[in-house]
Amino acid sequence: MLLIYGDEQALTEEERQHCYIESAQLAQEIDSAGQYLAAAPLHPTAMATSVRVREGRRLVTDGPFAETREQLGGYFLIDAANLDDAIAIAGRIPMARKGTVEVRPVIEVGGLPAK
């Protein structure tokens, strides 16, 4: 999983739209290589709702889980042969130039629906 973090205010609307176009082109390229599984940008944190369950009670709050300088803005889910391969793809994500792309392995859990 390539998690894309950045300051939500770092891009103008024109830059954001260009980033989406570049990201779609990258998705097409990694799909051609058989490595693409999914990708999507996220709405701003103002649209987030956080859910916690404490002592059997559900607590729902507006906003993100934590206040941070950079926010989770989207993701790529890829099939990489190894960490070096994943890092190479992460470095091609447009927001890596303005923010951070976290590379994190996904744990495969049996019994989940296949897609």
N, C-alpha and C. Protein backbone atom coordinates (compact mmCIF):
# COMPACT_ATOMS: atom_id res chain seq x y z
N MET A 1 0.87 -1.16 0.00
CA MET A 1 0.00 0.00 0.00
C MET A 1 0.91 1.21 0.00
N LEU A 2 0.68 2.12 -0.91
CA LEU A 2 1.42 3.37 -0.98
C LEU A 2 0.48 4.47 -0.49
N LEU A 3 0.71 4.95 0.72
CA LEU A 3 -0.14 5.96 1.35
C LEU A 3 0.44 7.33 1.07
N ILE A 4 -0.37 8.22 0.54
CA ILE A 4 0.10 9.53 0.08
C ILE A 4 -0.31 10.60 1.09
N TYR A 5 0.71 11.25 1.69
CA TYR A 5 0.48 12.30 2.67
C TYR A 5 0.96 13.64 2.14
N GLY A 6 0.25 14.69 2.47
CA GLY A 6 0.66 16.03 2.10
C GLY A 6 -0.21 17.06 2.76
N ASP A 7 0.21 18.28 2.70
CA ASP A 7 -0.57 19.41 3.21
C ASP A 7 -1.71 19.65 2.23
N GLU A 8 -2.93 19.57 2.71
CA GLU A 8 -4.10 19.74 1.84
C GLU A 8 -4.12 21.09 1.14
N GLN A 9 -3.44 22.08 1.71
CA GLN A 9 -3.43 23.43 1.14
C GLN A 9 -2.24 23.67 0.22
N ALA A 10 -1.39 22.66 0.01
CA ALA A 10 -0.14 22.84 -0.74
C ALA A 10 -0.35 23.05 -2.23
N LEU A 11 -1.47 22.57 -2.77
CA LEU A 11 -1.70 22.65 -4.21
C LEU A 11 -2.84 23.60 -4.54
N THR A 12 -2.69 24.33 -5.65
CA THR A 12 -3.81 25.09 -6.18
C THR A 12 -4.77 24.10 -6.83
N GLU A 13 -5.96 24.52 -7.16
CA GLU A 13 -6.92 23.62 -7.82
C GLU A 13 -6.35 23.15 -9.16
N GLU A 14 -5.68 24.02 -9.88
CA GLU A 14 -5.06 23.64 -11.16
C GLU A 14 -3.97 22.60 -10.94
N GLU A 15 -3.14 22.78 -9.94
CA GLU A 15 -2.09 21.80 -9.63
C GLU A 15 -2.69 20.47 -9.21
N ARG A 16 -3.79 20.52 -8.44
CA ARG A 16 -4.45 19.30 -7.99
C ARG A 16 -4.99 18.51 -9.19
N GLN A 17 -5.62 19.21 -10.13
CA GLN A 17 -6.15 18.54 -11.31
C GLN A 17 -5.02 17.93 -12.15
N HIS A 18 -3.90 18.64 -12.27
CA HIS A 18 -2.74 18.11 -12.99
C HIS A 18 -2.19 16.87 -12.28
N CYS A 19 -2.17 16.91 -10.95
CA CYS A 19 -1.72 15.76 -10.16
C CYS A 19 -2.61 14.55 -10.42
N TYR A 20 -3.92 14.75 -10.51
CA TYR A 20 -4.85 13.66 -10.80
C TYR A 20 -4.55 13.05 -12.18
N ILE A 21 -4.27 13.91 -13.15
CA ILE A 21 -3.96 13.43 -14.51
C ILE A 21 -2.67 12.62 -14.50
N GLU A 22 -1.64 13.15 -13.83
CA GLU A 22 -0.36 12.42 -13.73
C GLU A 22 -0.54 11.08 -13.01
N SER A 23 -1.34 11.10 -11.95
CA SER A 23 -1.57 9.87 -11.18
C SER A 23 -2.30 8.83 -12.00
N ALA A 24 -3.28 9.27 -12.81
CA ALA A 24 -4.01 8.34 -13.68
C ALA A 24 -3.07 7.75 -14.73
N GLN A 25 -2.15 8.57 -15.25
CA GLN A 25 -1.17 8.06 -16.22
C GLN A 25 -0.26 7.03 -15.56
N LEU A 26 0.19 7.30 -14.32
CA LEU A 26 1.01 6.34 -13.60
C LEU A 26 0.24 5.05 -13.37
N ALA A 27 -1.03 5.16 -12.99
CA ALA A 27 -1.86 3.97 -12.77
C ALA A 27 -1.95 3.13 -14.05
N GLN A 28 -2.08 3.79 -15.20
CA GLN A 28 -2.13 3.07 -16.48
C GLN A 28 -0.81 2.35 -16.73
N GLU A 29 0.31 3.03 -16.42
CA GLU A 29 1.63 2.42 -16.64
C GLU A 29 1.84 1.20 -15.75
N ILE A 30 1.50 1.33 -14.47
CA ILE A 30 1.73 0.17 -13.59
C ILE A 30 0.70 -0.93 -13.85
N ASP A 31 -0.46 -0.56 -14.39
CA ASP A 31 -1.43 -1.58 -14.79
C ASP A 31 -0.88 -2.37 -15.98
N SER A 32 -0.25 -1.67 -16.91
CA SER A 32 0.36 -2.36 -18.06
C SER A 32 1.44 -3.34 -17.63
N ALA A 33 2.09 -3.03 -16.50
CA ALA A 33 3.13 -3.91 -15.96
C ALA A 33 2.54 -5.01 -15.07
N GLY A 34 1.21 -5.02 -14.92
CA GLY A 34 0.54 -6.03 -14.10
C GLY A 34 0.66 -5.80 -12.61
N GLN A 35 0.95 -4.56 -12.19
CA GLN A 35 1.17 -4.27 -10.77
C GLN A 35 0.05 -3.45 -10.13
N TYR A 36 -0.87 -2.91 -10.91
CA TYR A 36 -1.92 -2.04 -10.39
C TYR A 36 -3.05 -2.86 -9.78
N LEU A 37 -3.46 -2.49 -8.57
CA LEU A 37 -4.62 -3.10 -7.94
C LEU A 37 -5.73 -2.08 -7.71
N ALA A 38 -5.38 -0.88 -7.23
CA ALA A 38 -6.37 0.18 -6.97
C ALA A 38 -5.65 1.47 -6.65
N ALA A 39 -6.36 2.58 -6.79
CA ALA A 39 -5.84 3.89 -6.41
C ALA A 39 -7.01 4.85 -6.30
N ALA A 40 -6.88 5.84 -5.41
CA ALA A 40 -7.92 6.87 -5.29
C ALA A 40 -7.43 8.01 -4.42
N PRO A 41 -7.79 9.24 -4.80
CA PRO A 41 -7.56 10.36 -3.88
C PRO A 41 -8.68 10.36 -2.85
N LEU A 42 -8.44 11.02 -1.74
CA LEU A 42 -9.45 11.16 -0.69
C LEU A 42 -9.95 12.59 -0.64
N HIS A 43 -11.19 12.77 -0.23
CA HIS A 43 -11.71 14.11 0.00
C HIS A 43 -10.93 14.73 1.16
N PRO A 44 -10.97 16.07 1.30
CA PRO A 44 -10.24 16.73 2.39
C PRO A 44 -10.69 16.24 3.77
N THR A 45 -9.84 16.44 4.76
CA THR A 45 -10.14 15.98 6.12
C THR A 45 -11.41 16.62 6.68
N ALA A 46 -11.82 17.76 6.14
CA ALA A 46 -13.07 18.38 6.60
C ALA A 46 -14.26 17.46 6.33
N MET A 47 -14.12 16.53 5.40
CA MET A 47 -15.19 15.59 5.07
C MET A 47 -15.12 14.31 5.91
N ALA A 48 -14.07 14.18 6.74
CA ALA A 48 -13.85 12.94 7.50
C ALA A 48 -14.79 12.83 8.69
N THR A 49 -15.09 11.61 9.03
CA THR A 49 -15.80 11.27 10.26
C THR A 49 -15.00 10.16 10.93
N SER A 50 -14.74 10.31 12.20
CA SER A 50 -13.97 9.31 12.94
C SER A 50 -14.89 8.54 13.87
N VAL A 51 -14.70 7.23 13.92
CA VAL A 51 -15.52 6.35 14.76
C VAL A 51 -14.60 5.62 15.74
N ARG A 52 -14.94 5.68 17.01
CA ARG A 52 -14.21 4.95 18.04
C ARG A 52 -15.24 4.21 18.89
N VAL A 53 -14.86 3.05 19.39
CA VAL A 53 -15.72 2.33 20.34
C VAL A 53 -14.92 2.20 21.62
N ARG A 54 -15.49 2.74 22.70
CA ARG A 54 -14.86 2.69 24.02
C ARG A 54 -15.88 2.17 25.02
N GLU A 55 -15.48 1.14 25.75
CA GLU A 55 -16.35 0.54 26.76
C GLU A 55 -17.72 0.19 26.18
N GLY A 56 -17.71 -0.34 24.94
CA GLY A 56 -18.93 -0.78 24.30
C GLY A 56 -19.79 0.33 23.71
N ARG A 57 -19.33 1.57 23.80
CA ARG A 57 -20.11 2.70 23.28
C ARG A 57 -19.41 3.29 22.07
N ARG A 58 -20.17 3.57 21.05
CA ARG A 58 -19.63 4.16 19.82
C ARG A 58 -19.59 5.67 19.96
N LEU A 59 -18.45 6.26 19.62
CA LEU A 59 -18.27 7.70 19.63
C LEU A 59 -17.95 8.14 18.21
N VAL A 60 -18.76 9.00 17.65
CA VAL A 60 -18.59 9.48 16.29
C VAL A 60 -18.28 10.97 16.36
N THR A 61 -17.16 11.37 15.73
CA THR A 61 -16.78 12.79 15.72
C THR A 61 -16.48 13.22 14.30
N ASP A 62 -16.73 14.48 14.03
CA ASP A 62 -16.37 15.06 12.74
C ASP A 62 -14.87 15.28 12.70
N GLY A 63 -14.30 15.09 11.54
CA GLY A 63 -12.89 15.38 11.36
C GLY A 63 -12.02 14.14 11.37
N PRO A 64 -10.74 14.36 11.11
CA PRO A 64 -9.80 13.24 11.01
C PRO A 64 -9.44 12.67 12.37
N PHE A 65 -8.76 11.53 12.35
CA PHE A 65 -8.32 10.86 13.57
C PHE A 65 -7.40 11.74 14.38
N ALA A 66 -6.45 12.42 13.73
CA ALA A 66 -5.47 13.23 14.46
C ALA A 66 -5.19 14.52 13.70
N GLU A 67 -4.88 15.56 14.43
CA GLU A 67 -4.46 16.81 13.82
C GLU A 67 -2.97 16.68 13.49
N THR A 68 -2.63 16.82 12.22
CA THR A 68 -1.23 16.69 11.80
C THR A 68 -0.91 17.74 10.74
N ARG A 69 0.38 17.92 10.51
CA ARG A 69 0.82 18.87 9.49
C ARG A 69 0.51 18.34 8.09
N GLU A 70 0.65 17.03 7.89
CA GLU A 70 0.31 16.41 6.62
C GLU A 70 -0.86 15.47 6.83
N GLN A 71 -1.72 15.39 5.82
CA GLN A 71 -2.92 14.57 5.91
C GLN A 71 -2.84 13.44 4.88
N LEU A 72 -3.49 12.31 5.19
CA LEU A 72 -3.60 11.22 4.23
C LEU A 72 -4.49 11.71 3.10
N GLY A 73 -3.94 11.74 1.89
CA GLY A 73 -4.68 12.30 0.77
C GLY A 73 -5.10 11.29 -0.27
N GLY A 74 -4.56 10.08 -0.21
CA GLY A 74 -4.93 9.07 -1.18
C GLY A 74 -4.01 7.87 -1.07
N TYR A 75 -4.18 6.95 -2.00
CA TYR A 75 -3.39 5.72 -1.94
C TYR A 75 -3.27 5.07 -3.31
N PHE A 76 -2.26 4.25 -3.46
CA PHE A 76 -2.13 3.29 -4.54
C PHE A 76 -1.99 1.93 -3.88
N LEU A 77 -2.71 0.95 -4.34
CA LEU A 77 -2.54 -0.43 -3.90
C LEU A 77 -1.90 -1.15 -5.08
N ILE A 78 -0.69 -1.67 -4.86
CA ILE A 78 0.07 -2.26 -5.96
C ILE A 78 0.50 -3.68 -5.61
N ASP A 79 0.91 -4.41 -6.62
CA ASP A 79 1.49 -5.73 -6.46
C ASP A 79 2.97 -5.59 -6.81
N ALA A 80 3.81 -5.46 -5.80
CA ALA A 80 5.24 -5.26 -6.02
C ALA A 80 6.00 -6.53 -5.65
N ALA A 81 7.03 -6.81 -6.39
CA ALA A 81 7.82 -8.02 -6.15
C ALA A 81 8.58 -7.93 -4.83
N ASN A 82 8.98 -6.71 -4.45
CA ASN A 82 9.77 -6.53 -3.24
C ASN A 82 9.73 -5.05 -2.84
N LEU A 83 10.37 -4.72 -1.74
CA LEU A 83 10.37 -3.35 -1.24
C LEU A 83 11.00 -2.39 -2.23
N ASP A 84 12.10 -2.78 -2.86
CA ASP A 84 12.75 -1.89 -3.84
C ASP A 84 11.81 -1.54 -4.99
N ASP A 85 11.05 -2.52 -5.45
CA ASP A 85 10.08 -2.30 -6.52
C ASP A 85 9.00 -1.32 -6.06
N ALA A 86 8.50 -1.50 -4.84
CA ALA A 86 7.47 -0.61 -4.30
C ALA A 86 8.01 0.81 -4.13
N ILE A 87 9.25 0.93 -3.66
CA ILE A 87 9.86 2.25 -3.48
C ILE A 87 10.02 2.95 -4.83
N ALA A 88 10.40 2.20 -5.86
CA ALA A 88 10.54 2.79 -7.19
C ALA A 88 9.22 3.37 -7.68
N ILE A 89 8.13 2.64 -7.48
CA ILE A 89 6.81 3.13 -7.89
C ILE A 89 6.40 4.32 -7.02
N ALA A 90 6.63 4.24 -5.72
CA ALA A 90 6.28 5.35 -4.81
C ALA A 90 6.96 6.64 -5.24
N GLY A 91 8.20 6.54 -5.69
CA GLY A 91 8.93 7.73 -6.13
C GLY A 91 8.37 8.36 -7.39
N ARG A 92 7.53 7.63 -8.11
CA ARG A 92 6.90 8.15 -9.33
C ARG A 92 5.56 8.81 -9.07
N ILE A 93 5.02 8.69 -7.87
CA ILE A 93 3.73 9.30 -7.54
C ILE A 93 3.93 10.82 -7.46
N PRO A 94 3.11 11.60 -8.17
CA PRO A 94 3.32 13.04 -8.22
C PRO A 94 3.43 13.72 -6.86
N MET A 95 2.63 13.31 -5.89
CA MET A 95 2.67 13.98 -4.58
C MET A 95 3.94 13.67 -3.79
N ALA A 96 4.76 12.73 -4.25
CA ALA A 96 6.05 12.50 -3.59
C ALA A 96 6.93 13.74 -3.71
N ARG A 97 6.65 14.58 -4.71
CA ARG A 97 7.44 15.82 -4.89
C ARG A 97 7.05 16.90 -3.91
N LYS A 98 5.86 16.83 -3.32
CA LYS A 98 5.38 17.86 -2.40
C LYS A 98 5.14 17.34 -0.99
N GLY A 99 4.91 16.04 -0.87
CA GLY A 99 4.57 15.46 0.43
C GLY A 99 5.39 14.21 0.68
N THR A 100 4.74 13.20 1.19
CA THR A 100 5.40 11.94 1.56
C THR A 100 4.56 10.78 1.06
N VAL A 101 5.21 9.76 0.56
CA VAL A 101 4.52 8.51 0.21
C VAL A 101 5.07 7.43 1.14
N GLU A 102 4.21 6.90 1.98
CA GLU A 102 4.58 5.83 2.91
C GLU A 102 4.34 4.49 2.23
N VAL A 103 5.36 3.64 2.23
CA VAL A 103 5.25 2.30 1.67
C VAL A 103 5.02 1.34 2.83
N ARG A 104 3.91 0.62 2.78
CA ARG A 104 3.61 -0.30 3.88
C ARG A 104 3.02 -1.59 3.33
N PRO A 105 3.59 -2.75 3.71
CA PRO A 105 3.03 -4.02 3.27
C PRO A 105 1.62 -4.23 3.82
N VAL A 106 0.81 -4.92 3.04
CA VAL A 106 -0.56 -5.25 3.44
C VAL A 106 -0.55 -6.70 3.94
N ILE A 107 -1.21 -6.93 5.06
CA ILE A 107 -1.34 -8.27 5.60
C ILE A 107 -2.51 -8.97 4.94
N GLU A 108 -2.25 -10.13 4.38
CA GLU A 108 -3.33 -10.90 3.76
C GLU A 108 -4.00 -11.72 4.85
N VAL A 109 -5.31 -11.54 4.98
CA VAL A 109 -6.10 -12.22 6.00
C VAL A 109 -7.06 -13.17 5.30
N GLY A 110 -7.03 -14.42 5.68
CA GLY A 110 -7.94 -15.40 5.10
C GLY A 110 -9.38 -15.11 5.46
N GLY A 111 -10.29 -15.51 4.60
CA GLY A 111 -11.71 -15.37 4.88
C GLY A 111 -12.32 -14.06 4.39
N LEU A 112 -11.49 -13.15 3.87
CA LEU A 112 -12.03 -11.90 3.35
C LEU A 112 -12.59 -12.14 1.95
N PRO A 113 -13.60 -11.35 1.53
CA PRO A 113 -14.14 -11.52 0.19
C PRO A 113 -13.07 -11.24 -0.88
N ALA A 114 -13.05 -12.04 -1.91
CA ALA A 114 -12.12 -11.82 -3.03
C ALA A 114 -12.73 -10.81 -3.98
N LYS A 115 -11.93 -9.94 -4.48
CA LYS A 115 -12.39 -8.93 -5.46
C LYS A 115 -11.66 -9.09 -6.75
